[in-house]
Amino acid sequence: MIELKTPREIEQMRPAGRLVRDVLQRLTEVAEVGTNLLELDAIAHDMIRAAGGTSCYIDYHPSFGASPFGKVLCTSVNDAVLHGLPHDYRLRDGDLLSVDFAVSVEGWVCDAARSFVVGTPDPEDLRLIDTTERALAAAIEVARPGKKIGDIGAAIAAVARGEGYSINTDFGGHGVGREMHGDPHVANDGRAGRGMPLRPGLVIAIEPWFLATTDEIYTDPDGWTLRSVDGSRGAHSEHTVAITDGDPIILTA
């Protein structure tokens, strides 16, 4: 069921959005060559506790997960692009790291992700990351009343295909509110002018993610991490966005 938030409820979501932003920023600052993924997860866990928040991930066990997730971050490295389960791995020079984080504060959830390179970047990795960021910006720009859900997917796909990337639609964005994942599904491809009308009060996570040379993925033996079938790298950008009578509000900016 799709739930529309009042302006007051959208304001109540801001503390969760700020915490998501602050955690992702902190992790971007501390992640360097030699940093262990478990150290990043511990930093995020400490920040959640300090803010009085609640992790959305630890007990999360959807049908596609092998078991409860057990960590507070998704850390996807190189050919991993989504749902990366933090484990005992030290980042290496040139690693492409995608960090996805959702948290509940005072009963409201926000969700965001960002990708960056640790150490010496490969120009192709930077182009891939930049494409996800530009696709996210294009999608947010059309997240307005009078548009439809298909306009968001169409905006994302236009940026991706303009750079020669193909698109997987198995996983995409989603409604956000009292829970991390809700209706509607927000696909990373779509037909402009088609689908559900966008209305003020709709709050969604928009999250373009692309792989360098494929759109096919498989699940790692850990039961969670999604990787490209050909070993090519992936990048992921996400914000929680509230649709209003005017400009969209990026709650995790």
C-alpha atoms as a PDB file:
ATOM      1  CA  MET A   1       0.000   0.000   0.000  1.00  0.00           C
ATOM      2  CA  ILE A   2       1.263   3.463  -0.897  1.00  0.00           C
ATOM      3  CA  GLU A   3       1.164   5.957   1.966  1.00  0.00           C
ATOM      4  CA  LEU A   4       1.428   9.692   1.404  1.00  0.00           C
ATOM      5  CA  LYS A   5       3.129  11.739   4.122  1.00  0.00           C
ATOM      6  CA  THR A   6       1.911  15.068   5.406  1.00  0.00           C
ATOM      7  CA  PRO A   7       4.318  18.033   5.338  1.00  0.00           C
ATOM      8  CA  ARG A   8       4.741  17.563   9.109  1.00  0.00           C
ATOM      9  CA  GLU A   9       5.625  13.884   8.678  1.00  0.00           C
ATOM     10  CA  ILE A  10       8.181  14.737   6.001  1.00  0.00           C
ATOM     11  CA  GLU A  11       9.779  17.158   8.464  1.00  0.00           C
ATOM     12  CA  GLN A  12       9.845  14.355  11.038  1.00  0.00           C
ATOM     13  CA  MET A  13      11.887  12.266   8.599  1.00  0.00           C
ATOM     14  CA  ARG A  14      14.696  14.818   8.469  1.00  0.00           C
ATOM     15  CA  PRO A  15      16.656  13.512  11.514  1.00  0.00           C
ATOM     16  CA  ALA A  16      16.904  10.078   9.891  1.00  0.00           C
ATOM     17  CA  GLY A  17      18.018  11.712   6.650  1.00  0.00           C
ATOM     18  CA  ARG A  18      20.700  13.703   8.432  1.00  0.00           C
ATOM     19  CA  LEU A  19      22.032  10.606  10.185  1.00  0.00           C
ATOM     20  CA  VAL A  20      22.219   8.693   6.912  1.00  0.00           C
ATOM     21  CA  ARG A  21      24.057  11.617   5.323  1.00  0.00           C
ATOM     22  CA  ASP A  22      26.470  11.954   8.239  1.00  0.00           C
ATOM     23  CA  VAL A  23      27.291   8.253   8.347  1.00  0.00           C
ATOM     24  CA  LEU A  24      27.981   8.057   4.612  1.00  0.00           C
ATOM     25  CA  GLN A  25      30.126  11.178   4.782  1.00  0.00           C
ATOM     26  CA  ARG A  26      32.123   9.808   7.717  1.00  0.00           C
ATOM     27  CA  LEU A  27      32.710   6.494   5.986  1.00  0.00           C
ATOM     28  CA  THR A  28      33.863   8.269   2.840  1.00  0.00           C
ATOM     29  CA  GLU A  29      36.396  10.185   4.933  1.00  0.00           C
ATOM     30  CA  VAL A  30      37.814   7.205   6.848  1.00  0.00           C
ATOM     31  CA  ALA A  31      37.820   4.517   4.134  1.00  0.00           C
ATOM     32  CA  GLU A  32      41.360   4.172   2.817  1.00  0.00           C
ATOM     33  CA  VAL A  33      43.767   1.510   1.694  1.00  0.00           C
ATOM     34  CA  GLY A  34      44.001  -1.002   4.531  1.00  0.00           C
ATOM     35  CA  THR A  35      40.647  -0.183   6.150  1.00  0.00           C
ATOM     36  CA  ASN A  36      38.658  -3.304   7.029  1.00  0.00           C
ATOM     37  CA  LEU A  37      35.013  -3.467   5.954  1.00  0.00           C
ATOM     38  CA  LEU A  38      34.151  -4.599   9.484  1.00  0.00           C
ATOM     39  CA  GLU A  39      35.719  -1.393  10.821  1.00  0.00           C
ATOM     40  CA  LEU A  40      33.398   0.657   8.624  1.00  0.00           C
ATOM     41  CA  ASP A  41      30.414  -1.305   9.889  1.00  0.00           C
ATOM     42  CA  ALA A  42      31.513  -0.703  13.507  1.00  0.00           C
ATOM     43  CA  ILE A  43      31.798   3.058  12.907  1.00  0.00           C
ATOM     44  CA  ALA A  44      28.277   3.153  11.488  1.00  0.00           C
ATOM     45  CA  HIS A  45      26.997   1.076  14.392  1.00  0.00           C
ATOM     46  CA  ASP A  46      28.538   3.495  16.904  1.00  0.00           C
ATOM     47  CA  MET A  47      26.987   6.480  15.103  1.00  0.00           C
ATOM     48  CA  ILE A  48      23.549   4.836  15.156  1.00  0.00           C
ATOM     49  CA  ARG A  49      23.787   4.254  18.899  1.00  0.00           C
ATOM     50  CA  ALA A  50      25.007   7.794  19.567  1.00  0.00           C
ATOM     51  CA  ALA A  51      22.055   9.242  17.654  1.00  0.00           C
ATOM     52  CA  GLY A  52      19.472   6.988  19.305  1.00  0.00           C
ATOM     53  CA  GLY A  53      18.629   5.351  15.995  1.00  0.00           C
ATOM     54  CA  THR A  54      17.778   1.789  15.031  1.00  0.00           C
ATOM     55  CA  SER A  55      19.420  -0.216  12.266  1.00  0.00           C
ATOM     56  CA  CYS A  56      17.176  -1.278   9.412  1.00  0.00           C
ATOM     57  CA  TYR A  57      19.556  -4.036   8.359  1.00  0.00           C
ATOM     58  CA  ILE A  58      20.583  -6.224  11.309  1.00  0.00           C
ATOM     59  CA  ASP A  59      17.368  -8.270  11.506  1.00  0.00           C
ATOM     60  CA  TYR A  60      16.373  -7.745   7.884  1.00  0.00           C
ATOM     61  CA  HIS A  61      15.511 -11.084   6.249  1.00  0.00           C
ATOM     62  CA  PRO A  62      13.609 -10.765   2.948  1.00  0.00           C
ATOM     63  CA  SER A  63      12.925 -13.712   0.663  1.00  0.00           C
ATOM     64  CA  PHE A  64      16.089 -13.087  -1.365  1.00  0.00           C
ATOM     65  CA  GLY A  65      18.397 -13.104   1.685  1.00  0.00           C
ATOM     66  CA  ALA A  66      19.906 -16.334   2.993  1.00  0.00           C
ATOM     67  CA  SER A  67      19.562 -15.286   6.646  1.00  0.00           C
ATOM     68  CA  PRO A  68      19.094 -12.131   8.744  1.00  0.00           C
ATOM     69  CA  PHE A  69      21.632  -9.627   7.418  1.00  0.00           C
ATOM     70  CA  GLY A  70      23.410  -9.145  10.736  1.00  0.00           C
ATOM     71  CA  LYS A  71      25.290  -5.898   9.938  1.00  0.00           C
ATOM     72  CA  VAL A  72      24.299  -2.223   9.728  1.00  0.00           C
ATOM     73  CA  LEU A  73      25.901  -1.408   6.345  1.00  0.00           C
ATOM     74  CA  CYS A  74      26.008  -2.804   2.848  1.00  0.00           C
ATOM     75  CA  THR A  75      29.613  -2.649   1.619  1.00  0.00           C
ATOM     76  CA  SER A  76      29.953  -3.749  -2.011  1.00  0.00           C
ATOM     77  CA  VAL A  77      33.472  -3.876  -3.476  1.00  0.00           C
ATOM     78  CA  ASN A  78      34.429  -3.891  -7.171  1.00  0.00           C
ATOM     79  CA  ASP A  79      32.301  -6.523  -8.973  1.00  0.00           C
ATOM     80  CA  ALA A  80      29.818  -6.460  -6.070  1.00  0.00           C
ATOM     81  CA  VAL A  81      27.178  -3.775  -6.536  1.00  0.00           C
ATOM     82  CA  LEU A  82      24.315  -4.375  -4.078  1.00  0.00           C
ATOM     83  CA  HIS A  83      23.702  -5.906  -0.637  1.00  0.00           C
ATOM     84  CA  GLY A  84      27.393  -6.414   0.068  1.00  0.00           C
ATOM     85  CA  LEU A  85      27.692  -8.166   3.440  1.00  0.00           C
ATOM     86  CA  PRO A  86      30.578  -6.644   5.433  1.00  0.00           C
ATOM     87  CA  HIS A  87      33.290  -9.219   6.091  1.00  0.00           C
ATOM     88  CA  ASP A  88      36.963  -9.446   7.009  1.00  0.00           C
ATOM     89  CA  TYR A  89      38.401  -7.669   3.962  1.00  0.00           C
ATOM     90  CA  ARG A  90      40.927  -4.853   3.910  1.00  0.00           C
ATOM     91  CA  LEU A  91      40.459  -2.324   1.134  1.00  0.00           C
ATOM     92  CA  ARG A  92      43.143  -2.265  -1.540  1.00  0.00           C
ATOM     93  CA  ASP A  93      44.441   0.517  -3.740  1.00  0.00           C
ATOM     94  CA  GLY A  94      41.954   1.189  -6.523  1.00  0.00           C
ATOM     95  CA  ASP A  95      38.986  -0.626  -4.969  1.00  0.00           C
ATOM     96  CA  LEU A  96      35.570   0.717  -5.963  1.00  0.00           C
ATOM     97  CA  LEU A  97      33.438   0.725  -2.817  1.00  0.00           C
ATOM     98  CA  SER A  98      29.660   1.196  -2.732  1.00  0.00           C
ATOM     99  CA  VAL A  99      28.147   1.854   0.695  1.00  0.00           C
ATOM    100  CA  ASP A 100      24.400   1.592   1.249  1.00  0.00           C
ATOM    101  CA  PHE A 101      22.879   2.606   4.588  1.00  0.00           C
ATOM    102  CA  ALA A 102      19.364   2.896   6.003  1.00  0.00           C
ATOM    103  CA  VAL A 103      18.364   3.798   9.547  1.00  0.00           C
ATOM    104  CA  SER A 104      15.272   4.542  11.594  1.00  0.00           C
ATOM    105  CA  VAL A 105      15.179   7.574  13.882  1.00  0.00           C
ATOM    106  CA  GLU A 106      12.091   8.184  16.013  1.00  0.00           C
ATOM    107  CA  GLY A 107      10.178   5.717  13.859  1.00  0.00           C
ATOM    108  CA  TRP A 108      11.038   7.216  10.468  1.00  0.00           C
ATOM    109  CA  VAL A 109      13.405   5.656   7.937  1.00  0.00           C
ATOM    110  CA  CYS A 110      15.733   7.180   5.360  1.00  0.00           C
ATOM    111  CA  ASP A 111      18.003   5.326   2.942  1.00  0.00           C
ATOM    112  CA  ALA A 112      20.932   6.373   0.726  1.00  0.00           C
ATOM    113  CA  ALA A 113      24.040   5.035  -0.991  1.00  0.00           C
ATOM    114  CA  ARG A 114      27.199   6.335  -2.563  1.00  0.00           C
ATOM    115  CA  SER A 115      30.166   4.893  -4.441  1.00  0.00           C
ATOM    116  CA  PHE A 116      33.793   6.026  -4.414  1.00  0.00           C
ATOM    117  CA  VAL A 117      37.279   4.759  -5.170  1.00  0.00           C
ATOM    118  CA  VAL A 118      39.804   4.071  -2.442  1.00  0.00           C
ATOM    119  CA  GLY A 119      43.328   5.097  -3.385  1.00  0.00           C
ATOM    120  CA  THR A 120      44.267   5.440  -7.044  1.00  0.00           C
ATOM    121  CA  PRO A 121      41.174   5.657  -9.272  1.00  0.00           C
ATOM    122  CA  ASP A 122      40.691   4.091 -12.672  1.00  0.00           C
ATOM    123  CA  PRO A 123      39.088   6.656 -15.035  1.00  0.00           C
ATOM    124  CA  GLU A 124      36.489   4.089 -16.105  1.00  0.00           C
ATOM    125  CA  ASP A 125      35.438   3.592 -12.491  1.00  0.00           C
ATOM    126  CA  LEU A 126      35.046   7.343 -12.087  1.00  0.00           C
ATOM    127  CA  ARG A 127      32.927   7.499 -15.254  1.00  0.00           C
ATOM    128  CA  LEU A 128      30.720   4.695 -13.940  1.00  0.00           C
ATOM    129  CA  ILE A 129      30.241   6.426 -10.585  1.00  0.00           C
ATOM    130  CA  ASP A 130      29.576   9.774 -12.251  1.00  0.00           C
ATOM    131  CA  THR A 131      26.921   8.175 -14.451  1.00  0.00           C
ATOM    132  CA  THR A 132      25.012   6.831 -11.446  1.00  0.00           C
ATOM    133  CA  GLU A 133      25.181  10.263  -9.810  1.00  0.00           C
ATOM    134  CA  ARG A 134      23.957  12.072 -12.932  1.00  0.00           C
ATOM    135  CA  ALA A 135      21.188   9.526 -13.392  1.00  0.00           C
ATOM    136  CA  LEU A 136      20.103  10.098  -9.795  1.00  0.00           C
ATOM    137  CA  ALA A 137      20.081  13.871 -10.318  1.00  0.00           C
ATOM    138  CA  ALA A 138      18.040  13.499 -13.514  1.00  0.00           C
ATOM    139  CA  ALA A 139      15.525  11.289 -11.736  1.00  0.00           C
ATOM    140  CA  ILE A 140      15.159  13.678  -8.816  1.00  0.00           C
ATOM    141  CA  GLU A 141      14.558  16.558 -11.224  1.00  0.00           C
ATOM    142  CA  VAL A 142      11.439  14.843 -12.617  1.00  0.00           C
ATOM    143  CA  ALA A 143      10.136  13.728  -9.193  1.00  0.00           C
ATOM    144  CA  ARG A 144       7.325  16.269  -9.219  1.00  0.00           C
ATOM    145  CA  PRO A 145       3.518  16.314  -9.277  1.00  0.00           C
ATOM    146  CA  GLY A 146       2.203  15.944 -12.796  1.00  0.00           C
ATOM    147  CA  LYS A 147       4.875  13.384 -13.643  1.00  0.00           C
ATOM    148  CA  LYS A 148       4.536   9.615 -13.421  1.00  0.00           C
ATOM    149  CA  ILE A 149       6.662   6.853 -11.973  1.00  0.00           C
ATOM    150  CA  GLY A 150       7.764   5.903 -15.472  1.00  0.00           C
ATOM    151  CA  ASP A 151       9.344   9.326 -15.898  1.00  0.00           C
ATOM    152  CA  ILE A 152      11.800   8.523 -13.106  1.00  0.00           C
ATOM    153  CA  GLY A 153      12.903   5.271 -14.716  1.00  0.00           C
ATOM    154  CA  ALA A 154      13.073   6.878 -18.138  1.00  0.00           C
ATOM    155  CA  ALA A 155      15.319   9.656 -16.809  1.00  0.00           C
ATOM    156  CA  ILE A 156      17.678   7.141 -15.209  1.00  0.00           C
ATOM    157  CA  ALA A 157      17.806   4.938 -18.288  1.00  0.00           C
ATOM    158  CA  ALA A 158      18.496   7.844 -20.636  1.00  0.00           C
ATOM    159  CA  VAL A 159      21.634   8.793 -18.706  1.00  0.00           C
ATOM    160  CA  ALA A 160      22.828   5.182 -18.442  1.00  0.00           C
ATOM    161  CA  ARG A 161      22.315   4.325 -22.092  1.00  0.00           C
ATOM    162  CA  GLY A 162      23.884   7.608 -23.116  1.00  0.00           C
ATOM    163  CA  GLU A 163      27.109   6.291 -21.562  1.00  0.00           C
ATOM    164  CA  GLY A 164      26.715   2.811 -23.035  1.00  0.00           C
ATOM    165  CA  TYR A 165      25.605   1.027 -19.870  1.00  0.00           C
ATOM    166  CA  SER A 166      22.813  -1.537 -19.818  1.00  0.00           C
ATOM    167  CA  ILE A 167      20.252  -1.690 -17.009  1.00  0.00           C
ATOM    168  CA  ASN A 168      19.156  -4.424 -14.650  1.00  0.00           C
ATOM    169  CA  THR A 169      15.600  -3.980 -13.327  1.00  0.00           C
ATOM    170  CA  ASP A 170      15.578  -6.813 -10.787  1.00  0.00           C
ATOM    171  CA  PHE A 171      16.351  -4.347  -7.999  1.00  0.00           C
ATOM    172  CA  GLY A 172      15.568  -0.643  -7.839  1.00  0.00           C
ATOM    173  CA  GLY A 173      14.126   2.099  -5.693  1.00  0.00           C
ATOM    174  CA  HIS A 174      11.167   1.879  -3.351  1.00  0.00           C
ATOM    175  CA  GLY A 175       8.824   3.685  -1.038  1.00  0.00           C
ATOM    176  CA  VAL A 176      10.236   4.777   2.333  1.00  0.00           C
ATOM    177  CA  GLY A 177       8.503   5.766   5.554  1.00  0.00           C
ATOM    178  CA  ARG A 178       7.897   3.802   8.716  1.00  0.00           C
ATOM    179  CA  GLU A 179       9.664   0.861   7.052  1.00  0.00           C
ATOM    180  CA  MET A 180      12.708   0.683   4.820  1.00  0.00           C
ATOM    181  CA  HIS A 181      11.054  -0.957   1.812  1.00  0.00           C
ATOM    182  CA  GLY A 182       7.514  -0.167   0.734  1.00  0.00           C
ATOM    183  CA  ASP A 183       5.415   0.605  -2.310  1.00  0.00           C
ATOM    184  CA  PRO A 184       5.871   1.773  -4.974  1.00  0.00           C
ATOM    185  CA  HIS A 185       8.721  -0.011  -6.699  1.00  0.00           C
ATOM    186  CA  VAL A 186      10.856   2.564  -8.520  1.00  0.00           C
ATOM    187  CA  ALA A 187      12.505   0.864 -11.483  1.00  0.00           C
ATOM    188  CA  ASN A 188      15.713   2.125 -13.056  1.00  0.00           C
ATOM    189  CA  ASP A 189      14.083   1.925 -16.485  1.00  0.00           C
ATOM    190  CA  GLY A 190      10.649   3.022 -17.602  1.00  0.00           C
ATOM    191  CA  ARG A 191       8.466   4.724 -20.171  1.00  0.00           C
ATOM    192  CA  ALA A 192       7.957   8.434 -19.778  1.00  0.00           C
ATOM    193  CA  GLY A 193       4.367   9.394 -19.056  1.00  0.00           C
ATOM    194  CA  ARG A 194       3.399   5.898 -17.929  1.00  0.00           C
ATOM    195  CA  GLY A 195       2.601   4.374 -14.566  1.00  0.00           C
ATOM    196  CA  MET A 196       1.465   5.737 -11.224  1.00  0.00           C
ATOM    197  CA  PRO A 197       1.061   9.521 -10.964  1.00  0.00           C
ATOM    198  CA  LEU A 198       3.499  11.214  -8.597  1.00  0.00           C
ATOM    199  CA  ARG A 199       1.688  13.055  -5.817  1.00  0.00           C
ATOM    200  CA  PRO A 200       2.798  15.380  -3.013  1.00  0.00           C
ATOM    201  CA  GLY A 201       3.608  13.376   0.098  1.00  0.00           C
ATOM    202  CA  LEU A 202       5.119  10.428  -1.735  1.00  0.00           C
ATOM    203  CA  VAL A 203       8.549   9.609  -0.288  1.00  0.00           C
ATOM    204  CA  ILE A 204      10.765   7.283  -2.295  1.00  0.00           C
ATOM    205  CA  ALA A 205      14.314   6.036  -2.420  1.00  0.00           C
ATOM    206  CA  ILE A 206      15.673   6.509  -5.936  1.00  0.00           C
ATOM    207  CA  GLU A 207      18.740   4.362  -6.562  1.00  0.00           C
ATOM    208  CA  PRO A 208      20.352   3.938  -9.964  1.00  0.00           C
ATOM    209  CA  TRP A 209      23.030   1.240 -10.061  1.00  0.00           C
ATOM    210  CA  PHE A 210      24.938   0.090 -13.102  1.00  0.00           C
ATOM    211  CA  LEU A 211      27.592  -2.453 -14.026  1.00  0.00           C
ATOM    212  CA  ALA A 212      30.373  -1.613 -16.442  1.00  0.00           C
ATOM    213  CA  THR A 213      29.825  -4.273 -19.104  1.00  0.00           C
ATOM    214  CA  THR A 214      26.763  -6.351 -18.196  1.00  0.00           C
ATOM    215  CA  ASP A 215      23.322  -6.149 -16.624  1.00  0.00           C
ATOM    216  CA  GLU A 216      23.383  -9.682 -15.219  1.00  0.00           C
ATOM    217  CA  ILE A 217      24.082 -10.495 -11.574  1.00  0.00           C
ATOM    218  CA  TYR A 218      24.431 -13.508  -9.304  1.00  0.00           C
ATOM    219  CA  THR A 219      24.329 -14.003  -5.541  1.00  0.00           C
ATOM    220  CA  ASP A 220      27.621 -14.572  -3.728  1.00  0.00           C
ATOM    221  CA  PRO A 221      27.956 -17.685  -1.510  1.00  0.00           C
ATOM    222  CA  ASP A 222      27.410 -15.411   1.512  1.00  0.00           C
ATOM    223  CA  GLY A 223      23.746 -15.414   0.491  1.00  0.00           C
ATOM    224  CA  TRP A 224      23.507 -11.624   0.150  1.00  0.00           C
ATOM    225  CA  THR A 225      26.153  -9.915  -1.973  1.00  0.00           C
ATOM    226  CA  LEU A 226      25.128  -9.382  -5.608  1.00  0.00           C
ATOM    227  CA  ARG A 227      27.948  -9.495  -8.162  1.00  0.00           C
ATOM    228  CA  SER A 228      28.278  -9.013 -11.910  1.00  0.00           C
ATOM    229  CA  VAL A 229      28.383 -12.250 -13.873  1.00  0.00           C
ATOM    230  CA  ASP A 230      31.413 -11.115 -15.886  1.00  0.00           C
ATOM    231  CA  GLY A 231      33.483  -9.637 -13.043  1.00  0.00           C
ATOM    232  CA  SER A 232      32.973  -6.044 -14.201  1.00  0.00           C
ATOM    233  CA  ARG A 233      32.639  -3.338 -11.576  1.00  0.00           C
ATOM    234  CA  GLY A 234      29.469  -1.716 -10.316  1.00  0.00           C
ATOM    235  CA  ALA A 235      28.447   1.619  -8.811  1.00  0.00           C
ATOM    236  CA  HIS A 236      25.368   2.721  -6.876  1.00  0.00           C
ATOM    237  CA  SER A 237      23.945   6.126  -5.931  1.00  0.00           C
ATOM    238  CA  GLU A 238      20.795   6.674  -3.868  1.00  0.00           C
ATOM    239  CA  HIS A 239      18.825   9.365  -2.050  1.00  0.00           C
ATOM    240  CA  THR A 240      15.548   9.445  -0.149  1.00  0.00           C
ATOM    241  CA  VAL A 241      13.346  12.028  -1.865  1.00  0.00           C
ATOM    242  CA  ALA A 242      10.037  13.578  -0.824  1.00  0.00           C
ATOM    243  CA  ILE A 243       7.689  14.833  -3.530  1.00  0.00           C
ATOM    244  CA  THR A 244       6.027  18.133  -2.637  1.00  0.00           C
ATOM    245  CA  ASP A 245       3.843  20.770  -4.281  1.00  0.00           C
ATOM    246  CA  GLY A 246       7.100  22.462  -5.315  1.00  0.00           C
ATOM    247  CA  ASP A 247      10.653  21.202  -5.648  1.00  0.00           C
ATOM    248  CA  PRO A 248      11.483  17.694  -4.399  1.00  0.00           C
ATOM    249  CA  ILE A 249      13.138  17.506  -0.979  1.00  0.00           C
ATOM    250  CA  ILE A 250      16.284  15.370  -0.824  1.00  0.00           C
ATOM    251  CA  LEU A 251      16.108  14.180   2.763  1.00  0.00           C
ATOM    252  CA  THR A 252      19.541  12.517   2.664  1.00  0.00           C
ATOM    253  CA  ALA A 253      21.407  15.340   0.882  1.00  0.00           C
END
